[in-house]
Protein backbone atom coordinates (compact mmCIF):
# COMPACT_ATOMS: atom_id res chain seq x y z
CA MET A 1 -13.38 21.36 -3.02
CA SER A 2 -12.97 17.98 -1.46
CA ASP A 3 -10.90 18.25 1.72
CA LEU A 4 -9.38 14.91 0.78
CA ILE A 5 -6.36 15.38 -1.45
CA SER A 6 -4.54 12.06 -1.70
CA PHE A 7 -6.33 9.85 0.79
CA VAL A 8 -8.61 7.06 -0.40
CA ASN A 9 -11.13 5.76 2.10
CA GLN A 10 -10.66 2.07 1.39
CA SER A 11 -11.01 0.76 4.93
CA ALA A 12 -14.42 2.30 5.51
CA SER A 13 -15.75 0.92 2.23
CA THR A 14 -14.33 -2.50 3.09
CA GLY A 15 -16.24 -2.53 6.35
CA ALA A 16 -19.45 -1.54 4.58
CA ASN A 17 -18.91 -4.22 1.94
CA THR A 18 -18.37 -6.85 4.63
CA ALA A 19 -21.65 -5.94 6.34
CA ALA A 20 -23.51 -5.99 3.02
CA SER A 21 -21.97 -9.36 2.10
CA SER A 22 -23.00 -10.83 5.44
CA ALA A 23 -26.60 -9.63 5.01
CA SER A 24 -26.68 -10.96 1.43
CA LEU A 25 -25.35 -14.35 2.52
CA ALA A 26 -27.98 -14.62 5.25
CA GLY A 27 -30.75 -13.85 2.76
CA ASN A 28 -29.43 -16.32 0.19
CA PHE A 29 -29.03 -19.04 2.80
CA ASP A 30 -32.62 -18.57 4.03
CA THR A 31 -33.83 -18.81 0.42
CA PHE A 32 -31.73 -21.95 -0.10
CA LEU A 33 -33.21 -23.63 2.98
CA THR A 34 -36.74 -22.70 1.90
CA LEU A 35 -36.21 -24.21 -1.56
CA LEU A 36 -34.53 -27.30 -0.08
CA THR A 37 -37.43 -27.89 2.31
CA ALA A 38 -39.98 -27.49 -0.50
CA GLN A 39 -38.10 -29.91 -2.75
CA MET A 40 -37.80 -32.55 -0.03
CA GLN A 41 -41.49 -32.25 0.82
CA ASN A 42 -42.49 -32.68 -2.82
CA GLN A 43 -39.91 -35.25 -3.93
CA ASP A 44 -40.93 -38.55 -5.49
CA PRO A 45 -40.46 -41.24 -2.81
CA LEU A 46 -39.47 -43.71 -5.52
CA GLU A 47 -36.77 -41.35 -6.86
CA PRO A 48 -35.41 -39.39 -3.89
CA LEU A 49 -33.28 -36.33 -4.52
CA ASP A 50 -29.52 -36.68 -4.64
CA ALA A 51 -28.25 -35.27 -1.35
CA SER A 52 -24.69 -34.73 -2.61
CA GLU A 53 -25.54 -31.48 -4.42
CA PHE A 54 -27.23 -30.04 -1.33
CA THR A 55 -24.21 -31.04 0.75
CA ASN A 56 -21.86 -29.28 -1.65
CA GLN A 57 -23.93 -26.10 -1.49
CA LEU A 58 -24.00 -26.21 2.31
CA VAL A 59 -20.21 -26.53 2.32
CA GLN A 60 -19.94 -23.53 -0.02
CA PHE A 61 -22.21 -21.43 2.20
CA SER A 62 -20.13 -22.41 5.22
CA GLY A 63 -16.88 -21.39 3.46
CA VAL A 64 -18.26 -18.00 2.46
CA GLU A 65 -19.59 -17.38 5.98
CA GLN A 66 -16.18 -18.19 7.46
CA GLN A 67 -14.49 -15.78 5.05
CA ILE A 68 -16.91 -12.98 5.98
CA GLN A 69 -16.32 -13.65 9.69
CA THR A 70 -12.57 -13.50 9.03
CA ASN A 71 -12.98 -10.14 7.28
CA THR A 72 -15.03 -8.85 10.21
CA SER A 73 -12.29 -9.88 12.64
CA LEU A 74 -9.65 -8.23 10.47
CA ASN A 75 -11.68 -5.00 10.36
CA SER A 76 -11.87 -5.01 14.16
CA LEU A 77 -8.13 -5.56 14.37
CA LEU A 78 -7.50 -2.73 11.90
CA ALA A 79 -9.77 -0.41 13.88
CA SER A 80 -7.81 -1.15 17.04
CA ASN A 81 -4.51 -0.61 15.22
CA ASN A 82 -5.78 2.66 13.71
CA ALA A 83 -6.69 3.96 17.15
CA THR A 84 -3.18 3.17 18.39
CA THR A 85 -1.62 4.84 15.35
CA GLY A 86 -3.90 7.85 15.79
CA ALA A 87 -2.70 8.30 19.36
CA ALA A 88 0.90 8.10 18.17
CA LEU A 89 0.16 10.68 15.47
CA SER A 90 -0.64 13.26 18.14
CA GLY A 91 3.12 13.74 18.36
CA TYR A 92 3.03 15.08 14.80
CA LEU A 93 0.84 18.04 15.75
CA GLY A 94 2.54 21.30 14.83
CA GLN A 95 5.26 19.49 12.89
CA ASN A 96 6.19 20.29 9.31
CA VAL A 97 5.91 17.26 7.04
CA GLU A 98 6.73 16.28 3.49
CA ILE A 99 3.75 14.58 1.85
CA ASN A 100 3.78 12.17 -1.08
CA SER A 101 1.36 14.24 -3.16
CA GLU A 102 1.61 16.74 -5.99
CA GLY A 103 -1.79 18.20 -5.08
CA ALA A 104 -2.59 20.68 -2.32
CA GLY A 105 -5.74 22.56 -1.32
CA PHE A 106 -5.56 26.36 -1.56
CA ARG A 107 -7.46 28.39 1.03
CA GLY A 108 -5.72 31.73 0.70
CA GLU A 109 -2.51 30.72 2.47
CA ASP A 110 0.79 30.07 0.70
CA LEU A 111 1.30 26.55 -0.60
CA SER A 112 4.73 24.93 -0.57
CA TRP A 113 6.23 22.02 -2.47
CA ARG A 114 9.63 20.34 -2.54
CA TYR A 115 10.75 19.18 -5.97
CA SER A 116 13.68 17.09 -7.12
CA VAL A 117 15.65 17.14 -10.35
CA ALA A 118 17.55 13.95 -11.12
CA SER A 119 20.48 15.65 -12.88
CA ASP A 120 21.66 19.12 -13.90
CA ALA A 121 19.29 20.66 -16.42
CA ALA A 122 19.66 23.15 -19.24
CA GLU A 123 16.08 24.31 -18.66
CA SER A 124 13.65 23.68 -15.83
CA ILE A 125 10.13 25.02 -15.37
CA ILE A 126 7.58 24.75 -12.55
CA VAL A 127 3.98 24.35 -13.70
CA VAL A 128 0.92 24.77 -11.46
CA LYS A 129 -2.37 23.36 -12.75
CA ASP A 130 -5.92 23.46 -11.43
CA GLU A 131 -8.20 20.47 -10.98
CA SER A 132 -9.22 20.51 -14.64
CA GLY A 133 -5.60 20.33 -15.77
CA LYS A 134 -5.45 23.98 -16.89
CA VAL A 135 -2.10 25.71 -16.36
CA VAL A 136 -2.53 28.69 -14.01
CA TYR A 137 1.07 29.55 -13.19
CA THR A 138 4.61 28.88 -14.42
CA GLU A 139 8.06 30.05 -13.41
CA ASN A 140 11.66 29.01 -13.96
CA ALA A 141 12.79 26.27 -11.59
CA ALA A 142 16.21 25.41 -10.23
CA LYS A 143 18.42 23.67 -12.77
CA GLY A 144 20.80 21.98 -10.37
CA ALA A 145 20.43 18.33 -9.48
CA GLY A 146 18.87 17.65 -6.08
CA SER A 147 15.94 18.94 -4.02
CA HIS A 148 14.59 22.50 -4.05
CA ASP A 149 11.64 24.25 -2.40
CA PHE A 150 8.90 26.23 -4.10
CA THR A 151 6.24 28.42 -2.49
CA TRP A 152 3.19 29.75 -4.33
CA ASP A 153 0.96 32.51 -2.95
CA GLY A 154 -1.92 31.80 -5.31
CA THR A 155 -1.11 34.53 -7.83
CA LYS A 156 -1.66 33.25 -11.37
CA THR A 157 0.58 34.08 -14.32
CA ASP A 158 -1.86 36.76 -15.52
CA GLY A 159 -1.66 38.51 -12.12
CA THR A 160 -5.11 37.49 -10.90
CA GLN A 161 -5.70 35.49 -7.72
CA ALA A 162 -6.38 31.78 -7.96
CA ALA A 163 -9.74 30.52 -6.77
CA GLN A 164 -9.81 29.37 -3.17
CA ASP A 165 -11.24 26.08 -1.88
CA ALA A 166 -9.67 24.35 -4.87
CA VAL A 167 -6.87 21.85 -5.41
CA TYR A 168 -3.74 22.73 -7.38
CA TYR A 169 -1.00 20.45 -8.64
CA THR A 170 2.64 21.12 -9.40
CA SER A 171 4.93 19.41 -11.87
CA ILE A 172 8.46 20.12 -13.01
CA THR A 173 9.52 19.98 -16.65
CA ALA A 174 13.30 19.70 -17.04
CA LYS A 175 15.52 18.99 -20.06
CA ASN A 176 19.23 18.54 -20.54
CA HIS A 177 21.42 20.22 -23.20
CA GLU A 178 20.43 17.57 -25.73
CA GLY A 179 16.75 18.35 -25.20
CA ASN A 180 16.03 15.08 -23.43
CA SER A 181 13.65 15.03 -20.48
CA ILE A 182 15.09 14.69 -16.98
CA GLU A 183 13.29 12.79 -14.25
CA THR A 184 11.61 15.06 -11.68
CA SER A 185 9.17 14.77 -8.80
CA SER A 186 7.35 17.07 -6.39
CA ARG A 187 5.89 16.68 -2.89
CA VAL A 188 3.74 18.89 -0.68
CA LEU A 189 5.32 20.65 2.31
CA THR A 190 2.82 21.53 5.03
CA ARG A 191 2.19 21.62 8.79
CA VAL A 192 0.11 19.08 10.71
CA THR A 193 -2.86 20.72 12.42
CA GLY A 194 -4.82 17.65 13.54
CA VAL A 195 -5.42 13.91 13.41
CA ASP A 196 -8.56 12.43 11.83
CA LEU A 197 -9.67 8.82 12.42
CA SER A 198 -13.11 9.13 10.81
CA TYR A 199 -12.03 7.68 7.47
CA GLY A 200 -11.34 4.16 8.68
CA THR A 201 -7.58 4.65 8.59
CA PRO A 202 -5.41 7.30 10.28
CA ALA A 203 -5.19 10.63 8.48
CA ILE A 204 -3.66 14.01 9.22
CA THR A 205 -5.30 17.36 8.65
CA THR A 206 -3.21 20.23 7.32
CA ASN A 207 -3.70 23.64 5.76
CA ALA A 208 -3.19 21.92 2.41
CA GLY A 209 -5.88 19.28 2.95
CA ILE A 210 -6.30 15.86 4.53
CA PHE A 211 -3.72 13.18 3.81
CA SER A 212 -3.34 9.54 4.74
CA TYR A 213 -0.80 8.74 7.43
CA SER A 214 0.94 6.54 4.85
CA ASP A 215 1.48 9.62 2.63
CA ILE A 216 3.90 11.15 5.14
CA LEU A 217 7.41 10.81 3.73
CA ARG A 218 9.35 12.58 6.46
CA LEU A 219 9.30 15.30 9.07
CA THR A 220 10.99 18.55 7.99
CA PRO A 221 12.65 21.21 10.15
CA ASN A 222 10.33 23.89 11.52
């Protein structure tokens, strides 16, 4: 199972792309200068090469180089900001949080979600699916409008235990008396056990997996 549930490592890939772009630009510029030198050495003195095209290409190279340098500066600024945010996140240690994710990693401990039903329902069902989308557990959910909590101990509908080191997702299916679907949502409830800055942007570690700092919706009472 990937420890990463809802976090996408965009910042780290951006930094790698910037470095690769810089190296590629340097190589292309060296090639350009080599070709330019060869052309000037072998040009016909009676019909000299038009310098305007070379000037335009030099301007383009300069613009790209400035953009890459800007990206590098922004990455440095983001790294500094992430470190500051990471230090602030230390105050979250031991706190219960509500995470903007339907998926949670199961390692043998109970998993908890908070789900919301937009309006009173005639029927409401909680569905737990594995990573392949297969339904492993269902039960009746609360029918009243508002937020409700759900805890799953990993026992599947057939009575067997769900596989550990795997990600499971919850969804709520609710309908009114006319049989029309009612809007629902679900979020992970978990406890913060650590802070991780190795992904290029601040993340929290929990018993339910690793989540981006931006996925935290709110702190919940212990």
